[in-house]
Amino acid sequence: MRNLILHNPRCSKSRQALELVQARGIDVDIVEYLQQPPTAAELAEICDLLDISPLQLMRTQEALFGELGLSRDNGYSDAQWLAVLAEHPRLIERPVLVYNGKAAIGRPPENVLDIL
């Protein structure tokens, strides 16, 4: 997977993580994932790099999660959660940095430093 950051410019944590990366002169593709949603396959690869399940990449506290009638214990398979994330990118935890075959969720933003 290429070096990238799943970024939402309206999110302060996302902006802070991007600033940390750029301040170190690191070149990554900035993917505004609300405009360019990752595919289910790309999200699966990110989950593998993070060593988490797709459900752990989901913003379960986001109002949309409840509006869609989703529940953490609804019995969805990983493939089903990946499909939900791909269809509703607003539910993707942000920011996510992928760099040199590693990934980190930037919450707090300093977490991205662990893989640089």
Foldseek 3Di string as FASTA:
>chain_A
DFWEKQAAVVDPQRVVLVCVCVVVVHDHHYHPCVVVPDALVVLVLLCVQVVHALVVQFQCVPVVCVVVVHDPPPPDDSSRSSRVCRVPVVGGQDIWTDDPSHIFHPVVSCRVVVVD
